Each structure stands twice: as structure tokens, then as C-alpha cells.
């Protein structure tokens, strides 16, 4: 579906940006992607982000028909309502839709190492491949875009969120999620690239702390 009036302002390491891009891919919406790079500009993009998201001044921002929409999960909901092509992202049943929104908010607030997601998957998926049923939906997008960072944290030995023994259903789901064409379409960063990005951030933070201690 051609939609040249759709733009996404984002950043490649951001799981929140990934949510928006996956949702647009699911809906078969063509869009212009503008990558934010704080170190190398362009300054015009930073100005556009500040203009379109004056409250938080952060990505992602979806611009549709020159109107900005902010906050990743709100953007995903907007995409589901604004574009009728492709599968529905949120359930049609009002109760199921409220459950999906609850878990989306929970994921953003409490991504941690526990079994609550395994239990939620068993209950919500009803024996199917995804939280959304036969195809990925709102919860899959909300949770699945954290997988790139989960892999990095596992390499750094910071957290083990997915375990083949403790969370077998969630572990299997993660493999299926990453194989979905809308997800595979160049959105997930390579683990090693993201790991180097994280190491750079850690080094900068350590350097800043060291500087402050010596001021």
C-alpha cells in the first residue's frame, strides 16, 4: 500500500522505533524512515523531532498527513486504526483489547526476569503460536521488540529472560516471532552491532562519572 505521506522518525537501537516499523510492515504501508543520529546529525532532523514531539523530544514519531503521533504503543494503536490493509494488530473483542493494552503497559513498566510472561503467553495465546493468535499482534510487538536487547543483556550476563527450561513456550515464541517477515525486514539490529553500541554507552557513562569524581 503506497503511503508516501507517512514518515517515521526513529533510531536503529530503539525497541520503540522497531515497534512502529513492524506495525507498518504488517499493514503493508510504505513509509519514509528518517534515522536520528545525535552525534552526526543532521540538525534539521533534531529540529523536526523537537517540533513534532515537543513534550519528550524523543523518537519514535510517526507523521501521517503532516500530523505527528508520539509514544510507540499509541502509534501502534493508531496504525491499526488508520490503515485497514493487513491483519488487525489489536483484538476486535473489547475485553481482549483491554487485556492486550494492559500487557503492553506492563511490559514497558516491568521487563524483568520472572515467569509472569510465560504464564501470560499460555493464557492469552490459547495454544497458538503468538500472543495475538495465529499471527503476531499488539503484545507480540510490544514484547518482541525487546528481544534484540535481551540478547545483548544475555551476552553481558545481566539477565536471562528466556530460558528453554524455565520458559519453554516463551522461548519457542521468540524464535517464531523473529522469523515473521514483517520483523525480519531489516528492522532488528545485529546483536554484535547493538552490543558495541551498549559498550560505547557504558564507556561514556563511566568516563562521565570519573570526570565528576575528579571535579
Foldseek 3Di string as FASTA:
>chain_A
DEAAQKEWEEAQLDLLSLLLQLLCVQQVYDYHYDHDDPVPDDVVSLVVLCVLPVPPSHDTWMGGNNHIDDDRLVSSVVSQVVGPHGDRQADPDPVSNVVLVVLLVCCVVDVAADCPVLVQCCVQQVPALESVHVDHHSNCSSNLSCVLVQVLCVVVVNHDRDDCPRRVSVNSSSVVSCPDPSNVVPRRDDSVVSNVVVVVVVVVVVVVVVVVVVD
